[in-house]
PDB file of N, CA and C in Angstrom:
ATOM      1  N   UNK A   1      23.624 -59.074 302.656  1.00  0.00           N
ATOM      2  CA  UNK A   1      22.817 -59.229 303.867  1.00  0.00           C
ATOM      3  C   UNK A   1      21.416 -59.732 303.520  1.00  0.00           C
ATOM      4  N   UNK A   2      21.033 -59.697 302.283  1.00  0.00           N
ATOM      5  CA  UNK A   2      19.673 -60.043 301.888  1.00  0.00           C
ATOM      6  C   UNK A   2      19.211 -61.372 302.458  1.00  0.00           C
ATOM      7  N   UNK A   3      20.037 -62.399 302.381  1.00  0.00           N
ATOM      8  CA  UNK A   3      19.634 -63.693 302.899  1.00  0.00           C
ATOM      9  C   UNK A   3      19.845 -63.814 304.398  1.00  0.00           C
ATOM     10  N   UNK A   4      20.482 -62.838 305.010  1.00  0.00           N
ATOM     11  CA  UNK A   4      20.803 -62.909 306.427  1.00  0.00           C
ATOM     12  C   UNK A   4      19.936 -62.030 307.319  1.00  0.00           C
ATOM     13  N   UNK A   5      18.867 -61.439 306.794  1.00  0.00           N
ATOM     14  CA  UNK A   5      18.090 -60.532 307.641  1.00  0.00           C
ATOM     15  C   UNK A   5      17.463 -61.262 308.820  1.00  0.00           C
ATOM     16  N   UNK A   6      17.182 -62.558 308.680  1.00  0.00           N
ATOM     17  CA  UNK A   6      16.595 -63.291 309.800  1.00  0.00           C
ATOM     18  C   UNK A   6      17.579 -63.446 310.954  1.00  0.00           C
ATOM     19  N   UNK A   7      18.848 -63.260 310.710  1.00  0.00           N
ATOM     20  CA  UNK A   7      19.844 -63.316 311.777  1.00  0.00           C
ATOM     21  C   UNK A   7      19.681 -62.155 312.760  1.00  0.00           C
ATOM     22  N   UNK A   8      18.871 -61.169 312.417  1.00  0.00           N
ATOM     23  CA  UNK A   8      18.674 -59.999 313.276  1.00  0.00           C
ATOM     24  C   UNK A   8      17.556 -60.203 314.306  1.00  0.00           C
ATOM     25  N   UNK A   9      16.852 -61.319 314.237  1.00  0.00           N
ATOM     26  CA  UNK A   9      15.791 -61.589 315.217  1.00  0.00           C
ATOM     27  C   UNK A   9      16.405 -61.726 316.599  1.00  0.00           C
ATOM     28  N   UNK A  10      15.793 -61.036 317.563  1.00  0.00           N
ATOM     29  CA  UNK A  10      16.293 -61.037 318.932  1.00  0.00           C
ATOM     30  C   UNK A  10      17.205 -59.866 319.233  1.00  0.00           C
ATOM     31  N   UNK A  11      17.628 -59.155 318.211  1.00  0.00           N
ATOM     32  CA  UNK A  11      18.508 -58.005 318.405  1.00  0.00           C
ATOM     33  C   UNK A  11      17.725 -56.816 318.962  1.00  0.00           C
ATOM     34  N   UNK A  12      18.457 -55.909 319.562  1.00  0.00           N
ATOM     35  CA  UNK A  12      17.919 -54.624 319.983  1.00  0.00           C
ATOM     36  C   UNK A  12      17.387 -53.902 318.740  1.00  0.00           C
ATOM     37  N   UNK A  13      16.219 -53.298 318.825  1.00  0.00           N
ATOM     38  CA  UNK A  13      15.585 -52.670 317.674  1.00  0.00           C
ATOM     39  C   UNK A  13      16.462 -51.599 317.040  1.00  0.00           C
ATOM     40  N   UNK A  14      17.057 -50.735 317.835  1.00  0.00           N
ATOM     41  CA  UNK A  14      17.859 -49.646 317.262  1.00  0.00           C
ATOM     42  C   UNK A  14      19.066 -50.194 316.507  1.00  0.00           C
ATOM     43  N   UNK A  15      19.698 -51.224 317.032  1.00  0.00           N
ATOM     44  CA  UNK A  15      20.847 -51.843 316.350  1.00  0.00           C
ATOM     45  C   UNK A  15      20.392 -52.514 315.049  1.00  0.00           C
ATOM     46  N   UNK A  16      19.239 -53.174 315.081  1.00  0.00           N
ATOM     47  CA  UNK A  16      18.701 -53.817 313.884  1.00  0.00           C
ATOM     48  C   UNK A  16      18.422 -52.788 312.794  1.00  0.00           C
ATOM     49  N   UNK A  17      17.781 -51.684 313.158  1.00  0.00           N
ATOM     50  CA  UNK A  17      17.472 -50.644 312.174  1.00  0.00           C
ATOM     51  C   UNK A  17      18.739 -50.049 311.581  1.00  0.00           C
ATOM     52  N   UNK A  18      19.754 -49.879 312.393  1.00  0.00           N
ATOM     53  CA  UNK A  18      21.039 -49.382 311.913  1.00  0.00           C
ATOM     54  C   UNK A  18      21.651 -50.362 310.898  1.00  0.00           C
ATOM     55  N   UNK A  19      21.646 -51.638 311.222  1.00  0.00           N
ATOM     56  CA  UNK A  19      22.196 -52.654 310.319  1.00  0.00           C
ATOM     57  C   UNK A  19      21.414 -52.702 308.997  1.00  0.00           C
ATOM     58  N   UNK A  20      20.095 -52.632 309.087  1.00  0.00           N
ATOM     59  CA  UNK A  20      19.273 -52.655 307.882  1.00  0.00           C
ATOM     60  C   UNK A  20      19.559 -51.449 306.993  1.00  0.00           C
ATOM     61  N   UNK A  21      19.610 -50.254 307.594  1.00  0.00           N
ATOM     62  CA  UNK A  21      19.909 -49.028 306.829  1.00  0.00           C
ATOM     63  C   UNK A  21      21.273 -49.128 306.143  1.00  0.00           C
ATOM     64  N   UNK A  22      22.261 -49.615 306.880  1.00  0.00           N
ATOM     65  CA  UNK A  22      23.607 -49.740 306.321  1.00  0.00           C
ATOM     66  C   UNK A  22      23.648 -50.713 305.146  1.00  0.00           C
ATOM     67  N   UNK A  23      22.742 -51.675 305.131  1.00  0.00           N
ATOM     68  CA  UNK A  23      22.686 -52.655 304.046  1.00  0.00           C
ATOM     69  C   UNK A  23      21.740 -52.220 302.924  1.00  0.00           C
ATOM     70  N   UNK A  24      21.155 -51.016 303.056  1.00  0.00           N
ATOM     71  CA  UNK A  24      20.301 -50.487 301.994  1.00  0.00           C
ATOM     72  C   UNK A  24      18.842 -50.890 302.084  1.00  0.00           C
ATOM     73  N   UNK A  25      18.408 -51.391 303.224  1.00  0.00           N
ATOM     74  CA  UNK A  25      17.008 -51.791 303.421  1.00  0.00           C
ATOM     75  C   UNK A  25      16.222 -50.656 304.041  1.00  0.00           C
ATOM     76  N   UNK A  26      14.927 -50.598 303.731  1.00  0.00           N
ATOM     77  CA  UNK A  26      13.987 -49.713 304.416  1.00  0.00           C
ATOM     78  C   UNK A  26      13.186 -50.586 305.369  1.00  0.00           C
ATOM     79  N   UNK A  27      12.813 -50.047 306.512  1.00  0.00           N
ATOM     80  CA  UNK A  27      12.089 -50.837 307.506  1.00  0.00           C
ATOM     81  C   UNK A  27      10.775 -50.172 307.877  1.00  0.00           C
ATOM     82  N   UNK A  28       9.737 -50.993 307.968  1.00  0.00           N
ATOM     83  CA  UNK A  28       8.432 -50.580 308.484  1.00  0.00           C
ATOM     84  C   UNK A  28       8.314 -51.243 309.849  1.00  0.00           C
ATOM     85  N   UNK A  29       8.267 -50.449 310.904  1.00  0.00           N
ATOM     86  CA  UNK A  29       8.309 -50.989 312.263  1.00  0.00           C
ATOM     87  C   UNK A  29       6.933 -50.964 312.903  1.00  0.00           C
ATOM     88  N   UNK A  30       6.555 -52.082 313.510  1.00  0.00           N
ATOM     89  CA  UNK A  30       5.335 -52.196 314.304  1.00  0.00           C
ATOM     90  C   UNK A  30       5.699 -52.793 315.650  1.00  0.00           C
ATOM     91  N   UNK A  31       4.952 -52.404 316.669  1.00  0.00           N
ATOM     92  CA  UNK A  31       5.181 -52.932 318.011  1.00  0.00           C
ATOM     93  C   UNK A  31       4.019 -53.823 318.417  1.00  0.00           C
ATOM     94  N   UNK A  32       4.319 -54.798 319.220  1.00  0.00           N
ATOM     95  CA  UNK A  32       3.306 -55.655 319.807  1.00  0.00           C
ATOM     96  C   UNK A  32       3.608 -55.781 321.294  1.00  0.00           C
ATOM     97  N   UNK A  33       2.593 -56.156 322.063  1.00  0.00           N
ATOM     98  CA  UNK A  33       2.802 -56.355 323.493  1.00  0.00           C
ATOM     99  C   UNK A  33       1.764 -57.340 324.010  1.00  0.00           C
ATOM    100  N   UNK A  34       2.060 -57.996 325.112  1.00  0.00           N
ATOM    101  CA  UNK A  34       1.104 -58.946 325.673  1.00  0.00           C
ATOM    102  C   UNK A  34      -0.074 -58.219 326.317  1.00  0.00           C
ATOM    103  N   UNK A  35      -1.132 -58.961 326.564  1.00  0.00           N
ATOM    104  CA  UNK A  35      -2.317 -58.385 327.198  1.00  0.00           C
ATOM    105  C   UNK A  35      -2.023 -57.990 328.634  1.00  0.00           C
ATOM    106  N   UNK A  36      -1.270 -58.826 329.339  1.00  0.00           N
ATOM    107  CA  UNK A  36      -0.914 -58.541 330.733  1.00  0.00           C
ATOM    108  C   UNK A  36       0.531 -58.115 330.825  1.00  0.00           C
ATOM    109  N   UNK A  37       0.863 -57.477 331.919  1.00  0.00           N
ATOM    110  CA  UNK A  37       2.240 -57.085 332.151  1.00  0.00           C
ATOM    111  C   UNK A  37       2.484 -55.641 331.783  1.00  0.00           C
ATOM    112  N   UNK A  38       3.651 -55.181 332.176  1.00  0.00           N
ATOM    113  CA  UNK A  38       4.038 -53.799 331.907  1.00  0.00           C
ATOM    114  C   UNK A  38       5.264 -53.804 331.012  1.00  0.00           C
ATOM    115  N   UNK A  39       5.089 -53.522 329.717  1.00  0.00           N
ATOM    116  CA  UNK A  39       6.247 -53.475 328.831  1.00  0.00           C
ATOM    117  C   UNK A  39       7.233 -52.406 329.282  1.00  0.00           C
ATOM    118  N   UNK A  40       8.489 -52.769 329.349  1.00  0.00           N
ATOM    119  CA  UNK A  40       9.534 -51.842 329.780  1.00  0.00           C
ATOM    120  C   UNK A  40      10.849 -52.255 329.128  1.00  0.00           C
ATOM    121  N   UNK A  41      11.814 -51.399 329.211  1.00  0.00           N
ATOM    122  CA  UNK A  41      13.126 -51.736 328.685  1.00  0.00           C
ATOM    123  C   UNK A  41      13.229 -51.550 327.187  1.00  0.00           C
ATOM    124  N   UNK A  42      14.325 -52.048 326.653  1.00  0.00           N
ATOM    125  CA  UNK A  42      14.593 -51.901 325.223  1.00  0.00           C
ATOM    126  C   UNK A  42      13.685 -52.793 324.394  1.00  0.00           C
ATOM    127  N   UNK A  43      13.384 -52.317 323.204  1.00  0.00           N
ATOM    128  CA  UNK A  43      12.593 -53.113 322.261  1.00  0.00           C
ATOM    129  C   UNK A  43      13.526 -54.074 321.536  1.00  0.00           C
ATOM    130  N   UNK A  44      13.042 -55.292 321.352  1.00  0.00           N
ATOM    131  CA  UNK A  44      13.792 -56.311 320.618  1.00  0.00           C
ATOM    132  C   UNK A  44      12.965 -56.789 319.435  1.00  0.00           C
ATOM    133  N   UNK A  45      13.651 -57.179 318.387  1.00  0.00           N
ATOM    134  CA  UNK A  45      12.999 -57.657 317.164  1.00  0.00           C
ATOM    135  C   UNK A  45      12.491 -59.078 317.393  1.00  0.00           C
ATOM    136  N   UNK A  46      11.204 -59.310 317.088  1.00  0.00           N
ATOM    137  CA  UNK A  46      10.652 -60.657 317.227  1.00  0.00           C
ATOM    138  C   UNK A  46      10.222 -61.256 315.888  1.00  0.00           C
ATOM    139  N   UNK A  47      10.126 -60.423 314.846  1.00  0.00           N
ATOM    140  CA  UNK A  47       9.767 -60.941 313.525  1.00  0.00           C
ATOM    141  C   UNK A  47      10.286 -59.997 312.443  1.00  0.00           C
ATOM    142  N   UNK A  48      10.768 -60.588 311.360  1.00  0.00           N
ATOM    143  CA  UNK A  48      11.181 -59.837 310.178  1.00  0.00           C
ATOM    144  C   UNK A  48      10.544 -60.500 308.969  1.00  0.00           C
ATOM    145  N   UNK A  49       9.888 -59.699 308.143  1.00  0.00           N
ATOM    146  CA  UNK A  49       9.247 -60.227 306.943  1.00  0.00           C
ATOM    147  C   UNK A  49       9.585 -59.318 305.767  1.00  0.00           C
ATOM    148  N   UNK A  50      10.134 -59.909 304.717  1.00  0.00           N
ATOM    149  CA  UNK A  50      10.423 -59.125 303.512  1.00  0.00           C
ATOM    150  C   UNK A  50       9.108 -58.864 302.796  1.00  0.00           C
ATOM    151  N   UNK A  51       8.800 -57.584 302.571  1.00  0.00           N
ATOM    152  CA  UNK A  51       7.530 -57.227 301.934  1.00  0.00           C
ATOM    153  C   UNK A  51       7.706 -56.754 300.499  1.00  0.00           C
ATOM    154  N   UNK A  52       8.898 -56.349 300.146  1.00  0.00           N
ATOM    155  CA  UNK A  52       9.204 -55.912 298.782  1.00  0.00           C
ATOM    156  C   UNK A  52      10.719 -55.898 298.631  1.00  0.00           C
ATOM    157  N   UNK A  53      11.162 -55.559 297.441  1.00  0.00           N
ATOM    158  CA  UNK A  53      12.600 -55.465 297.203  1.00  0.00           C
ATOM    159  C   UNK A  53      13.201 -54.422 298.143  1.00  0.00           C
ATOM    160  N   UNK A  54      14.077 -54.871 299.011  1.00  0.00           N
ATOM    161  CA  UNK A  54      14.783 -54.014 299.975  1.00  0.00           C
ATOM    162  C   UNK A  54      13.865 -53.314 300.978  1.00  0.00           C
ATOM    163  N   UNK A  55      12.678 -53.860 301.226  1.00  0.00           N
ATOM    164  CA  UNK A  55      11.782 -53.349 302.266  1.00  0.00           C
ATOM    165  C   UNK A  55      11.410 -54.511 303.172  1.00  0.00           C
ATOM    166  N   UNK A  56      11.553 -54.298 304.469  1.00  0.00           N
ATOM    167  CA  UNK A  56      11.273 -55.349 305.438  1.00  0.00           C
ATOM    168  C   UNK A  56      10.317 -54.818 306.506  1.00  0.00           C
ATOM    169  N   UNK A  57       9.360 -55.668 306.911  1.00  0.00           N
ATOM    170  CA  UNK A  57       8.467 -55.336 308.021  1.00  0.00           C
ATOM    171  C   UNK A  57       9.102 -55.901 309.285  1.00  0.00           C
ATOM    172  N   UNK A  58       9.245 -55.046 310.274  1.00  0.00           N
ATOM    173  CA  UNK A  58       9.869 -55.424 311.539  1.00  0.00           C
ATOM    174  C   UNK A  58       8.810 -55.369 312.636  1.00  0.00           C
ATOM    175  N   UNK A  59       8.680 -56.441 313.400  1.00  0.00           N
ATOM    176  CA  UNK A  59       7.803 -56.441 314.565  1.00  0.00           C
ATOM    177  C   UNK A  59       8.704 -56.510 315.791  1.00  0.00           C
ATOM    178  N   UNK A  60       8.492 -55.586 316.713  1.00  0.00           N
ATOM    179  CA  UNK A  60       9.316 -55.506 317.912  1.00  0.00           C
ATOM    180  C   UNK A  60       8.433 -55.525 319.150  1.00  0.00           C
ATOM    181  N   UNK A  61       9.017 -55.942 320.254  1.00  0.00           N
ATOM    182  CA  UNK A  61       8.312 -55.964 321.534  1.00  0.00           C
ATOM    183  C   UNK A  61       9.292 -55.615 322.644  1.00  0.00           C
ATOM    184  N   UNK A  62       8.758 -55.040 323.678  1.00  0.00           N
ATOM    185  CA  UNK A  62       9.572 -54.729 324.858  1.00  0.00           C
ATOM    186  C   UNK A  62       9.437 -55.861 325.862  1.00  0.00           C
ATOM    187  N   UNK A  63      10.451 -56.035 326.675  1.00  0.00           N
ATOM    188  CA  UNK A  63      10.408 -57.026 327.744  1.00  0.00           C
ATOM    189  C   UNK A  63       9.283 -56.656 328.705  1.00  0.00           C
ATOM    190  N   UNK A  64       8.634 -57.666 329.255  1.00  0.00           N
ATOM    191  CA  UNK A  64       7.532 -57.429 330.191  1.00  0.00           C
ATOM    192  C   UNK A  64       8.010 -57.663 331.608  1.00  0.00           C
ATOM    193  N   UNK A  65       7.764 -56.687 332.475  1.00  0.00           N
ATOM    194  CA  UNK A  65       8.063 -56.829 333.885  1.00  0.00           C
ATOM    195  C   UNK A  65       6.814 -57.349 334.570  1.00  0.00           C
ATOM    196  N   UNK A  66       6.905 -58.529 335.145  1.00  0.00           N
ATOM    197  CA  UNK A  66       5.732 -59.099 335.786  1.00  0.00           C
ATOM    198  C   UNK A  66       5.695 -58.714 337.263  1.00  0.00           C
ATOM    199  N   UNK A  67       4.510 -58.775 337.812  1.00  0.00           N
ATOM    200  CA  UNK A  67       4.313 -58.458 339.233  1.00  0.00           C
ATOM    201  C   UNK A  67       4.003 -59.759 339.953  1.00  0.00           C
ATOM    202  N   UNK A  68       4.892 -60.169 340.817  1.00  0.00           N
ATOM    203  CA  UNK A  68       4.604 -61.326 341.662  1.00  0.00           C
ATOM    204  C   UNK A  68       4.849 -62.677 341.041  1.00  0.00           C
ATOM    205  N   UNK A  69       5.759 -62.803 340.110  1.00  0.00           N
ATOM    206  CA  UNK A  69       6.167 -64.119 339.621  1.00  0.00           C
ATOM    207  C   UNK A  69       5.266 -64.799 338.619  1.00  0.00           C
ATOM    208  N   UNK A  70       4.436 -64.093 337.880  1.00  0.00           N
ATOM    209  CA  UNK A  70       3.603 -64.694 336.834  1.00  0.00           C
ATOM    210  C   UNK A  70       4.452 -65.265 335.737  1.00  0.00           C
TER     211      UNK A  70
END
């Protein structure tokens, strides 16, 4: 899975963490969100960066519910 970790971008965060653990990776998770909007729903992976041998930094974000069609 080492060369395939980027295939997890866009996945649900919990499923991604499960896949990483099963493949022997440790994950450092950070969240990001936009300035406007109300983050809600499931978190999805938007970035994966290998930081060390079998350690990956995961950036996740929740879907934003907009008010009034922004």
